[in-house]
Amino acid sequence: MNGTPKRPAAPVHVSIGELRLVGYSKRDGERLGGAFQRELGRLLAHGGPPPAGFRQQKLALPHFASAVAERPEQTGRRLARAIVRSLRP
């Protein structure tokens, strides 16, 4: 160890006012939302947050649809990856 203290990670605050995906039961929506939240946190932790001071009121994603027979967890993870890609320059 080099003895240099690590800087604490800068806090990241992500606020999603509404995530509306049509065609999911309440249970499947909860599964999708949980997977989305975990994957978004993982991606931001490992890939680093957006630049300091970054703010975006609306995020435009290309057409996003669930694949046939895709589990809600897979859709949630895919959605998180699409959002993180849109935050990167």
PDB file of N, CA and C in Angstrom:
ATOM      1  N   MET A   1       0.841  -1.188   0.000  1.00  0.00           N
ATOM      2  CA  MET A   1       0.000   0.000   0.000  1.00  0.00           C
ATOM      3  C   MET A   1       0.879   1.242   0.000  1.00  0.00           C
ATOM      4  N   ASN A   2       0.460   2.283  -0.702  1.00  0.00           N
ATOM      5  CA  ASN A   2       1.282   3.480  -0.805  1.00  0.00           C
ATOM      6  C   ASN A   2       0.976   4.481   0.297  1.00  0.00           C
ATOM      7  N   GLY A   3      -0.011   4.242   1.129  1.00  0.00           N
ATOM      8  CA  GLY A   3      -0.301   5.125   2.239  1.00  0.00           C
ATOM      9  C   GLY A   3      -1.105   6.359   1.878  1.00  0.00           C
ATOM     10  N   THR A   4      -1.381   6.565   0.597  1.00  0.00           N
ATOM     11  CA  THR A   4      -2.172   7.723   0.186  1.00  0.00           C
ATOM     12  C   THR A   4      -3.636   7.431   0.462  1.00  0.00           C
ATOM     13  N   PRO A   5      -4.286   8.303   1.254  1.00  0.00           N
ATOM     14  CA  PRO A   5      -5.702   8.024   1.536  1.00  0.00           C
ATOM     15  C   PRO A   5      -6.541   8.190   0.282  1.00  0.00           C
ATOM     16  N   LYS A   6      -7.535   7.337   0.170  1.00  0.00           N
ATOM     17  CA  LYS A   6      -8.449   7.428  -0.964  1.00  0.00           C
ATOM     18  C   LYS A   6      -9.440   8.551  -0.733  1.00  0.00           C
ATOM     19  N   ARG A   7      -9.731   9.272  -1.793  1.00  0.00           N
ATOM     20  CA  ARG A   7     -10.788  10.285  -1.716  1.00  0.00           C
ATOM     21  C   ARG A   7     -12.124   9.586  -1.725  1.00  0.00           C
ATOM     22  N   PRO A   8     -13.037  10.022  -0.859  1.00  0.00           N
ATOM     23  CA  PRO A   8     -14.363   9.404  -0.921  1.00  0.00           C
ATOM     24  C   PRO A   8     -15.038   9.729  -2.253  1.00  0.00           C
ATOM     25  N   ALA A   9     -15.824   8.791  -2.725  1.00  0.00           N
ATOM     26  CA  ALA A   9     -16.538   9.010  -3.986  1.00  0.00           C
ATOM     27  C   ALA A   9     -17.520  10.164  -3.830  1.00  0.00           C
ATOM     28  N   ALA A  10     -17.632  10.956  -4.869  1.00  0.00           N
ATOM     29  CA  ALA A  10     -18.590  12.062  -4.856  1.00  0.00           C
ATOM     30  C   ALA A  10     -19.999  11.490  -4.844  1.00  0.00           C
ATOM     31  N   PRO A  11     -20.884  12.086  -4.074  1.00  0.00           N
ATOM     32  CA  PRO A  11     -22.250  11.557  -4.046  1.00  0.00           C
ATOM     33  C   PRO A  11     -22.953  11.781  -5.388  1.00  0.00           C
ATOM     34  N   VAL A  12     -23.745  10.828  -5.737  1.00  0.00           N
ATOM     35  CA  VAL A  12     -24.531  10.916  -6.969  1.00  0.00           C
ATOM     36  C   VAL A  12     -25.994  10.835  -6.567  1.00  0.00           C
ATOM     37  N   HIS A  13     -26.783  11.760  -7.053  1.00  0.00           N
ATOM     38  CA  HIS A  13     -28.210  11.748  -6.777  1.00  0.00           C
ATOM     39  C   HIS A  13     -28.941  11.609  -8.095  1.00  0.00           C
ATOM     40  N   VAL A  14     -29.661  10.524  -8.215  1.00  0.00           N
ATOM     41  CA  VAL A  14     -30.449  10.294  -9.414  1.00  0.00           C
ATOM     42  C   VAL A  14     -31.912  10.314  -8.997  1.00  0.00           C
ATOM     43  N   SER A  15     -32.660  11.156  -9.637  1.00  0.00           N
ATOM     44  CA  SER A  15     -34.081  11.247  -9.335  1.00  0.00           C
ATOM     45  C   SER A  15     -34.861  10.976 -10.610  1.00  0.00           C
ATOM     46  N   ILE A  16     -35.642   9.939 -10.567  1.00  0.00           N
ATOM     47  CA  ILE A  16     -36.484   9.596 -11.711  1.00  0.00           C
ATOM     48  C   ILE A  16     -37.907   9.820 -11.261  1.00  0.00           C
ATOM     49  N   GLY A  17     -38.508  10.861 -11.788  1.00  0.00           N
ATOM     50  CA  GLY A  17     -39.851  11.220 -11.371  1.00  0.00           C
ATOM     51  C   GLY A  17     -40.871  10.163 -11.723  1.00  0.00           C
ATOM     52  N   GLU A  18     -40.743   9.599 -12.894  1.00  0.00           N
ATOM     53  CA  GLU A  18     -41.727   8.599 -13.318  1.00  0.00           C
ATOM     54  C   GLU A  18     -41.104   7.690 -14.359  1.00  0.00           C
ATOM     55  N   LEU A  19     -41.332   6.428 -14.181  1.00  0.00           N
ATOM     56  CA  LEU A  19     -40.902   5.432 -15.151  1.00  0.00           C
ATOM     57  C   LEU A  19     -42.159   4.649 -15.498  1.00  0.00           C
ATOM     58  N   ARG A  20     -42.630   4.827 -16.708  1.00  0.00           N
ATOM     59  CA  ARG A  20     -43.902   4.226 -17.103  1.00  0.00           C
ATOM     60  C   ARG A  20     -43.677   3.293 -18.286  1.00  0.00           C
ATOM     61  N   LEU A  21     -43.876   2.027 -18.047  1.00  0.00           N
ATOM     62  CA  LEU A  21     -43.789   1.018 -19.097  1.00  0.00           C
ATOM     63  C   LEU A  21     -45.117   0.283 -19.131  1.00  0.00           C
ATOM     64  N   VAL A  22     -45.783   0.354 -20.239  1.00  0.00           N
ATOM     65  CA  VAL A  22     -47.120  -0.210 -20.394  1.00  0.00           C
ATOM     66  C   VAL A  22     -47.043  -1.731 -20.573  1.00  0.00           C
ATOM     67  N   GLY A  23     -48.004  -2.426 -19.997  1.00  0.00           N
ATOM     68  CA  GLY A  23     -48.128  -3.857 -20.248  1.00  0.00           C
ATOM     69  C   GLY A  23     -47.558  -4.751 -19.165  1.00  0.00           C
ATOM     70  N   TYR A  24     -47.186  -4.198 -18.023  1.00  0.00           N
ATOM     71  CA  TYR A  24     -46.630  -4.994 -16.940  1.00  0.00           C
ATOM     72  C   TYR A  24     -47.601  -5.032 -15.773  1.00  0.00           C
ATOM     73  N   SER A  25     -47.744  -6.206 -15.166  1.00  0.00           N
ATOM     74  CA  SER A  25     -48.541  -6.311 -13.949  1.00  0.00           C
ATOM     75  C   SER A  25     -47.790  -5.599 -12.828  1.00  0.00           C
ATOM     76  N   LYS A  26     -48.458  -5.366 -11.730  1.00  0.00           N
ATOM     77  CA  LYS A  26     -47.799  -4.699 -10.594  1.00  0.00           C
ATOM     78  C   LYS A  26     -46.586  -5.511 -10.136  1.00  0.00           C
ATOM     79  N   ARG A  27     -46.746  -6.802 -10.039  1.00  0.00           N
ATOM     80  CA  ARG A  27     -45.632  -7.657  -9.586  1.00  0.00           C
ATOM     81  C   ARG A  27     -44.458  -7.596 -10.563  1.00  0.00           C
ATOM     82  N   ASP A  28     -44.738  -7.729 -11.855  1.00  0.00           N
ATOM     83  CA  ASP A  28     -43.670  -7.669 -12.851  1.00  0.00           C
ATOM     84  C   ASP A  28     -43.045  -6.276 -12.894  1.00  0.00           C
ATOM     85  N   GLY A  29     -43.853  -5.243 -12.707  1.00  0.00           N
ATOM     86  CA  GLY A  29     -43.320  -3.885 -12.659  1.00  0.00           C
ATOM     87  C   GLY A  29     -42.355  -3.700 -11.496  1.00  0.00           C
ATOM     88  N   GLU A  30     -42.671  -4.310 -10.358  1.00  0.00           N
ATOM     89  CA  GLU A  30     -41.779  -4.238  -9.203  1.00  0.00           C
ATOM     90  C   GLU A  30     -40.479  -4.993  -9.468  1.00  0.00           C
ATOM     91  N   ARG A  31     -40.585  -6.134 -10.129  1.00  0.00           N
ATOM     92  CA  ARG A  31     -39.385  -6.903 -10.487  1.00  0.00           C
ATOM     93  C   ARG A  31     -38.517  -6.104 -11.464  1.00  0.00           C
ATOM     94  N   LEU A  32     -39.151  -5.513 -12.467  1.00  0.00           N
ATOM     95  CA  LEU A  32     -38.437  -4.696 -13.453  1.00  0.00           C
ATOM     96  C   LEU A  32     -37.771  -3.509 -12.759  1.00  0.00           C
ATOM     97  N   GLY A  33     -38.533  -2.818 -11.916  1.00  0.00           N
ATOM     98  CA  GLY A  33     -38.005  -1.642 -11.227  1.00  0.00           C
ATOM     99  C   GLY A  33     -36.845  -1.967 -10.307  1.00  0.00           C
ATOM    100  N   GLY A  34     -36.931  -3.092  -9.601  1.00  0.00           N
ATOM    101  CA  GLY A  34     -35.833  -3.493  -8.716  1.00  0.00           C
ATOM    102  C   GLY A  34     -34.563  -3.793  -9.490  1.00  0.00           C
ATOM    103  N   ALA A  35     -34.705  -4.538 -10.587  1.00  0.00           N
ATOM    104  CA  ALA A  35     -33.543  -4.865 -11.421  1.00  0.00           C
ATOM    105  C   ALA A  35     -32.957  -3.602 -12.040  1.00  0.00           C
ATOM    106  N   PHE A  36     -33.820  -2.703 -12.465  1.00  0.00           N
ATOM    107  CA  PHE A  36     -33.385  -1.425 -13.037  1.00  0.00           C
ATOM    108  C   PHE A  36     -32.562  -0.638 -12.021  1.00  0.00           C
ATOM    109  N   GLN A  37     -33.081  -0.533 -10.811  1.00  0.00           N
ATOM    110  CA  GLN A  37     -32.409   0.239  -9.768  1.00  0.00           C
ATOM    111  C   GLN A  37     -31.042  -0.362  -9.419  1.00  0.00           C
ATOM    112  N   ARG A  38     -30.993  -1.674  -9.253  1.00  0.00           N
ATOM    113  CA  ARG A  38     -29.718  -2.330  -8.921  1.00  0.00           C
ATOM    114  C   ARG A  38     -28.695  -2.150 -10.040  1.00  0.00           C
ATOM    115  N   GLU A  39     -29.125  -2.356 -11.286  1.00  0.00           N
ATOM    116  CA  GLU A  39     -28.202  -2.246 -12.420  1.00  0.00           C
ATOM    117  C   GLU A  39     -27.723  -0.809 -12.605  1.00  0.00           C
ATOM    118  N   LEU A  40     -28.613   0.147 -12.444  1.00  0.00           N
ATOM    119  CA  LEU A  40     -28.219   1.554 -12.564  1.00  0.00           C
ATOM    120  C   LEU A  40     -27.167   1.897 -11.512  1.00  0.00           C
ATOM    121  N   GLY A  41     -27.389   1.467 -10.275  1.00  0.00           N
ATOM    122  CA  GLY A  41     -26.410   1.702  -9.214  1.00  0.00           C
ATOM    123  C   GLY A  41     -25.081   1.043  -9.503  1.00  0.00           C
ATOM    124  N   ARG A  42     -25.119  -0.186  -9.974  1.00  0.00           N
ATOM    125  CA  ARG A  42     -23.890  -0.914 -10.292  1.00  0.00           C
ATOM    126  C   ARG A  42     -23.111  -0.225 -11.402  1.00  0.00           C
ATOM    127  N   LEU A  43     -23.813   0.168 -12.457  1.00  0.00           N
ATOM    128  CA  LEU A  43     -23.144   0.810 -13.586  1.00  0.00           C
ATOM    129  C   LEU A  43     -22.537   2.147 -13.196  1.00  0.00           C
ATOM    130  N   LEU A  44     -23.244   2.925 -12.412  1.00  0.00           N
ATOM    131  CA  LEU A  44     -22.707   4.223 -11.986  1.00  0.00           C
ATOM    132  C   LEU A  44     -21.539   4.044 -11.031  1.00  0.00           C
ATOM    133  N   ALA A  45     -21.582   3.020 -10.196  1.00  0.00           N
ATOM    134  CA  ALA A  45     -20.479   2.769  -9.261  1.00  0.00           C
ATOM    135  C   ALA A  45     -19.217   2.311  -9.986  1.00  0.00           C
ATOM    136  N   HIS A  46     -19.380   1.458 -10.999  1.00  0.00           N
ATOM    137  CA  HIS A  46     -18.213   0.908 -11.699  1.00  0.00           C
ATOM    138  C   HIS A  46     -17.724   1.786 -12.837  1.00  0.00           C
ATOM    139  N   GLY A  47     -18.611   2.505 -13.477  1.00  0.00           N
ATOM    140  CA  GLY A  47     -18.213   3.325 -14.618  1.00  0.00           C
ATOM    141  C   GLY A  47     -17.985   4.772 -14.258  1.00  0.00           C
ATOM    142  N   GLY A  48     -18.242   5.115 -13.018  1.00  0.00           N
ATOM    143  CA  GLY A  48     -18.094   6.498 -12.599  1.00  0.00           C
ATOM    144  C   GLY A  48     -19.337   7.303 -12.929  1.00  0.00           C
ATOM    145  N   PRO A  49     -19.583   8.309 -12.116  1.00  0.00           N
ATOM    146  CA  PRO A  49     -20.765   9.142 -12.336  1.00  0.00           C
ATOM    147  C   PRO A  49     -20.581  10.073 -13.528  1.00  0.00           C
ATOM    148  N   PRO A  50     -21.653  10.678 -13.985  1.00  0.00           N
ATOM    149  CA  PRO A  50     -21.520  11.717 -15.018  1.00  0.00           C
ATOM    150  C   PRO A  50     -20.664  12.861 -14.483  1.00  0.00           C
ATOM    151  N   PRO A  51     -20.195  13.756 -15.328  1.00  0.00           N
ATOM    152  CA  PRO A  51     -19.337  14.861 -14.890  1.00  0.00           C
ATOM    153  C   PRO A  51     -20.002  15.695 -13.791  1.00  0.00           C
ATOM    154  N   ALA A  52     -19.170  16.294 -12.932  1.00  0.00           N
ATOM    155  CA  ALA A  52     -19.672  17.139 -11.840  1.00  0.00           C
ATOM    156  C   ALA A  52     -20.578  18.229 -12.391  1.00  0.00           C
ATOM    157  N   GLY A  53     -21.660  18.474 -11.709  1.00  0.00           N
ATOM    158  CA  GLY A  53     -22.584  19.511 -12.120  1.00  0.00           C
ATOM    159  C   GLY A  53     -23.525  19.096 -13.232  1.00  0.00           C
ATOM    160  N   PHE A  54     -23.417  17.861 -13.686  1.00  0.00           N
ATOM    161  CA  PHE A  54     -24.275  17.387 -14.773  1.00  0.00           C
ATOM    162  C   PHE A  54     -25.712  17.348 -14.297  1.00  0.00           C
ATOM    163  N   ARG A  55     -26.595  17.938 -15.083  1.00  0.00           N
ATOM    164  CA  ARG A  55     -28.035  17.901 -14.811  1.00  0.00           C
ATOM    165  C   ARG A  55     -28.748  17.731 -16.134  1.00  0.00           C
ATOM    166  N   GLN A  56     -29.791  16.966 -16.093  1.00  0.00           N
ATOM    167  CA  GLN A  56     -30.580  16.798 -17.300  1.00  0.00           C
ATOM    168  C   GLN A  56     -32.031  16.633 -16.873  1.00  0.00           C
ATOM    169  N   GLN A  57     -32.885  17.493 -17.409  1.00  0.00           N
ATOM    170  CA  GLN A  57     -34.291  17.456 -17.013  1.00  0.00           C
ATOM    171  C   GLN A  57     -35.035  16.309 -17.673  1.00  0.00           C
ATOM    172  N   LYS A  58     -34.765  16.088 -18.940  1.00  0.00           N
ATOM    173  CA  LYS A  58     -35.418  15.012 -19.678  1.00  0.00           C
ATOM    174  C   LYS A  58     -34.359  14.201 -20.389  1.00  0.00           C
ATOM    175  N   LEU A  59     -34.655  12.950 -20.526  1.00  0.00           N
ATOM    176  CA  LEU A  59     -33.724  12.057 -21.188  1.00  0.00           C
ATOM    177  C   LEU A  59     -34.466  11.390 -22.338  1.00  0.00           C
ATOM    178  N   ALA A  60     -33.968  11.569 -23.525  1.00  0.00           N
ATOM    179  CA  ALA A  60     -34.607  10.964 -24.697  1.00  0.00           C
ATOM    180  C   ALA A  60     -33.871   9.673 -25.032  1.00  0.00           C
ATOM    181  N   LEU A  61     -34.584   8.572 -24.959  1.00  0.00           N
ATOM    182  CA  LEU A  61     -34.010   7.283 -25.325  1.00  0.00           C
ATOM    183  C   LEU A  61     -34.537   6.887 -26.693  1.00  0.00           C
ATOM    184  N   PRO A  62     -33.726   6.194 -27.457  1.00  0.00           N
ATOM    185  CA  PRO A  62     -34.259   5.653 -28.696  1.00  0.00           C
ATOM    186  C   PRO A  62     -35.399   4.699 -28.346  1.00  0.00           C
ATOM    187  N   HIS A  63     -36.178   4.313 -29.312  1.00  0.00           N
ATOM    188  CA  HIS A  63     -37.300   3.405 -29.071  1.00  0.00           C
ATOM    189  C   HIS A  63     -36.846   2.245 -28.193  1.00  0.00           C
ATOM    190  N   PHE A  64     -37.570   2.034 -27.107  1.00  0.00           N
ATOM    191  CA  PHE A  64     -37.223   0.962 -26.175  1.00  0.00           C
ATOM    192  C   PHE A  64     -38.433   0.058 -26.013  1.00  0.00           C
ATOM    193  N   ALA A  65     -38.264  -1.211 -26.274  1.00  0.00           N
ATOM    194  CA  ALA A  65     -39.348  -2.173 -26.112  1.00  0.00           C
ATOM    195  C   ALA A  65     -38.777  -3.452 -25.528  1.00  0.00           C
ATOM    196  N   SER A  66     -39.597  -4.148 -24.773  1.00  0.00           N
ATOM    197  CA  SER A  66     -39.131  -5.421 -24.245  1.00  0.00           C
ATOM    198  C   SER A  66     -39.181  -6.467 -25.355  1.00  0.00           C
ATOM    199  N   ALA A  67     -38.247  -7.366 -25.298  1.00  0.00           N
ATOM    200  CA  ALA A  67     -38.200  -8.442 -26.285  1.00  0.00           C
ATOM    201  C   ALA A  67     -39.256  -9.484 -25.931  1.00  0.00           C
ATOM    202  N   VAL A  68     -39.683 -10.239 -26.904  1.00  0.00           N
ATOM    203  CA  VAL A  68     -40.670 -11.290 -26.686  1.00  0.00           C
ATOM    204  C   VAL A  68     -40.116 -12.275 -25.652  1.00  0.00           C
ATOM    205  N   ALA A  69     -40.919 -12.589 -24.664  1.00  0.00           N
ATOM    206  CA  ALA A  69     -40.581 -13.560 -23.613  1.00  0.00           C
ATOM    207  C   ALA A  69     -39.399 -13.119 -22.742  1.00  0.00           C
ATOM    208  N   GLU A  70     -39.083 -11.855 -22.733  1.00  0.00           N
ATOM    209  CA  GLU A  70     -37.998 -11.350 -21.886  1.00  0.00           C
ATOM    210  C   GLU A  70     -38.519 -11.191 -20.459  1.00  0.00           C
ATOM    211  N   ARG A  71     -37.763 -11.671 -19.500  1.00  0.00           N
ATOM    212  CA  ARG A  71     -38.155 -11.525 -18.100  1.00  0.00           C
ATOM    213  C   ARG A  71     -38.068 -10.048 -17.699  1.00  0.00           C
ATOM    214  N   PRO A  72     -38.907  -9.603 -16.761  1.00  0.00           N
ATOM    215  CA  PRO A  72     -38.879  -8.202 -16.331  1.00  0.00           C
ATOM    216  C   PRO A  72     -37.501  -7.764 -15.838  1.00  0.00           C
ATOM    217  N   GLU A  73     -36.771  -8.663 -15.192  1.00  0.00           N
ATOM    218  CA  GLU A  73     -35.430  -8.317 -14.701  1.00  0.00           C
ATOM    219  C   GLU A  73     -34.485  -7.997 -15.851  1.00  0.00           C
ATOM    220  N   GLN A  74     -34.598  -8.752 -16.938  1.00  0.00           N
ATOM    221  CA  GLN A  74     -33.750  -8.478 -18.103  1.00  0.00           C
ATOM    222  C   GLN A  74     -34.093  -7.125 -18.706  1.00  0.00           C
ATOM    223  N   THR A  75     -35.369  -6.819 -18.787  1.00  0.00           N
ATOM    224  CA  THR A  75     -35.798  -5.531 -19.335  1.00  0.00           C
ATOM    225  C   THR A  75     -35.290  -4.403 -18.459  1.00  0.00           C
ATOM    226  N   GLY A  76     -35.380  -4.561 -17.145  1.00  0.00           N
ATOM    227  CA  GLY A  76     -34.899  -3.527 -16.222  1.00  0.00           C
ATOM    228  C   GLY A  76     -33.413  -3.268 -16.375  1.00  0.00           C
ATOM    229  N   ARG A  77     -32.635  -4.334 -16.492  1.00  0.00           N
ATOM    230  CA  ARG A  77     -31.188  -4.165 -16.671  1.00  0.00           C
ATOM    231  C   ARG A  77     -30.866  -3.506 -18.010  1.00  0.00           C
ATOM    232  N   ARG A  78     -31.568  -3.919 -19.051  1.00  0.00           N
ATOM    233  CA  ARG A  78     -31.355  -3.327 -20.383  1.00  0.00           C
ATOM    234  C   ARG A  78     -31.707  -1.842 -20.386  1.00  0.00           C
ATOM    235  N   LEU A  79     -32.788  -1.499 -19.705  1.00  0.00           N
ATOM    236  CA  LEU A  79     -33.196  -0.097 -19.618  1.00  0.00           C
ATOM    237  C   LEU A  79     -32.142   0.724 -18.875  1.00  0.00           C
ATOM    238  N   ALA A  80     -31.610   0.204 -17.782  1.00  0.00           N
ATOM    239  CA  ALA A  80     -30.557   0.910 -17.038  1.00  0.00           C
ATOM    240  C   ALA A  80     -29.330   1.137 -17.918  1.00  0.00           C
ATOM    241  N   ARG A  81     -28.949   0.131 -18.681  1.00  0.00           N
ATOM    242  CA  ARG A  81     -27.780   0.282 -19.568  1.00  0.00           C
ATOM    243  C   ARG A  81     -28.040   1.340 -20.633  1.00  0.00           C
ATOM    244  N   ALA A  82     -29.248   1.377 -21.171  1.00  0.00           N
ATOM    245  CA  ALA A  82     -29.590   2.384 -22.187  1.00  0.00           C
ATOM    246  C   ALA A  82     -29.511   3.794 -21.600  1.00  0.00           C
ATOM    247  N   ILE A  83     -29.976   3.952 -20.385  1.00  0.00           N
ATOM    248  CA  ILE A  83     -29.928   5.271 -19.743  1.00  0.00           C
ATOM    249  C   ILE A  83     -28.490   5.687 -19.482  1.00  0.00           C
ATOM    250  N   VAL A  84     -27.676   4.787 -18.963  1.00  0.00           N
ATOM    251  CA  VAL A  84     -26.278   5.141 -18.688  1.00  0.00           C
ATOM    252  C   VAL A  84     -25.546   5.485 -19.980  1.00  0.00           C
ATOM    253  N   ARG A  85     -25.812   4.756 -21.058  1.00  0.00           N
ATOM    254  CA  ARG A  85     -25.186   5.088 -22.349  1.00  0.00           C
ATOM    255  C   ARG A  85     -25.573   6.497 -22.781  1.00  0.00           C
ATOM    256  N   SER A  86     -26.798   6.888 -22.528  1.00  0.00           N
ATOM    257  CA  SER A  86     -27.236   8.216 -22.954  1.00  0.00           C
ATOM    258  C   SER A  86     -26.628   9.327 -22.098  1.00  0.00           C
ATOM    259  N   LEU A  87     -26.091   8.989 -20.926  1.00  0.00           N
ATOM    260  CA  LEU A  87     -25.458   9.995 -20.060  1.00  0.00           C
ATOM    261  C   LEU A  87     -23.995  10.233 -20.426  1.00  0.00           C
ATOM    262  N   ARG A  88     -23.414   9.342 -21.161  1.00  0.00           N
ATOM    263  CA  ARG A  88     -22.000   9.447 -21.521  1.00  0.00           C
ATOM    264  C   ARG A  88     -21.839  10.262 -22.795  1.00  0.00           C
ATOM    265  N   PRO A  89     -20.787  11.077 -22.843  1.00  0.00           N
ATOM    266  CA  PRO A  89     -20.558  11.869 -24.060  1.00  0.00           C
ATOM    267  C   PRO A  89     -20.147  10.994 -25.236  1.00  0.00           C
TER     268      PRO A  89
END
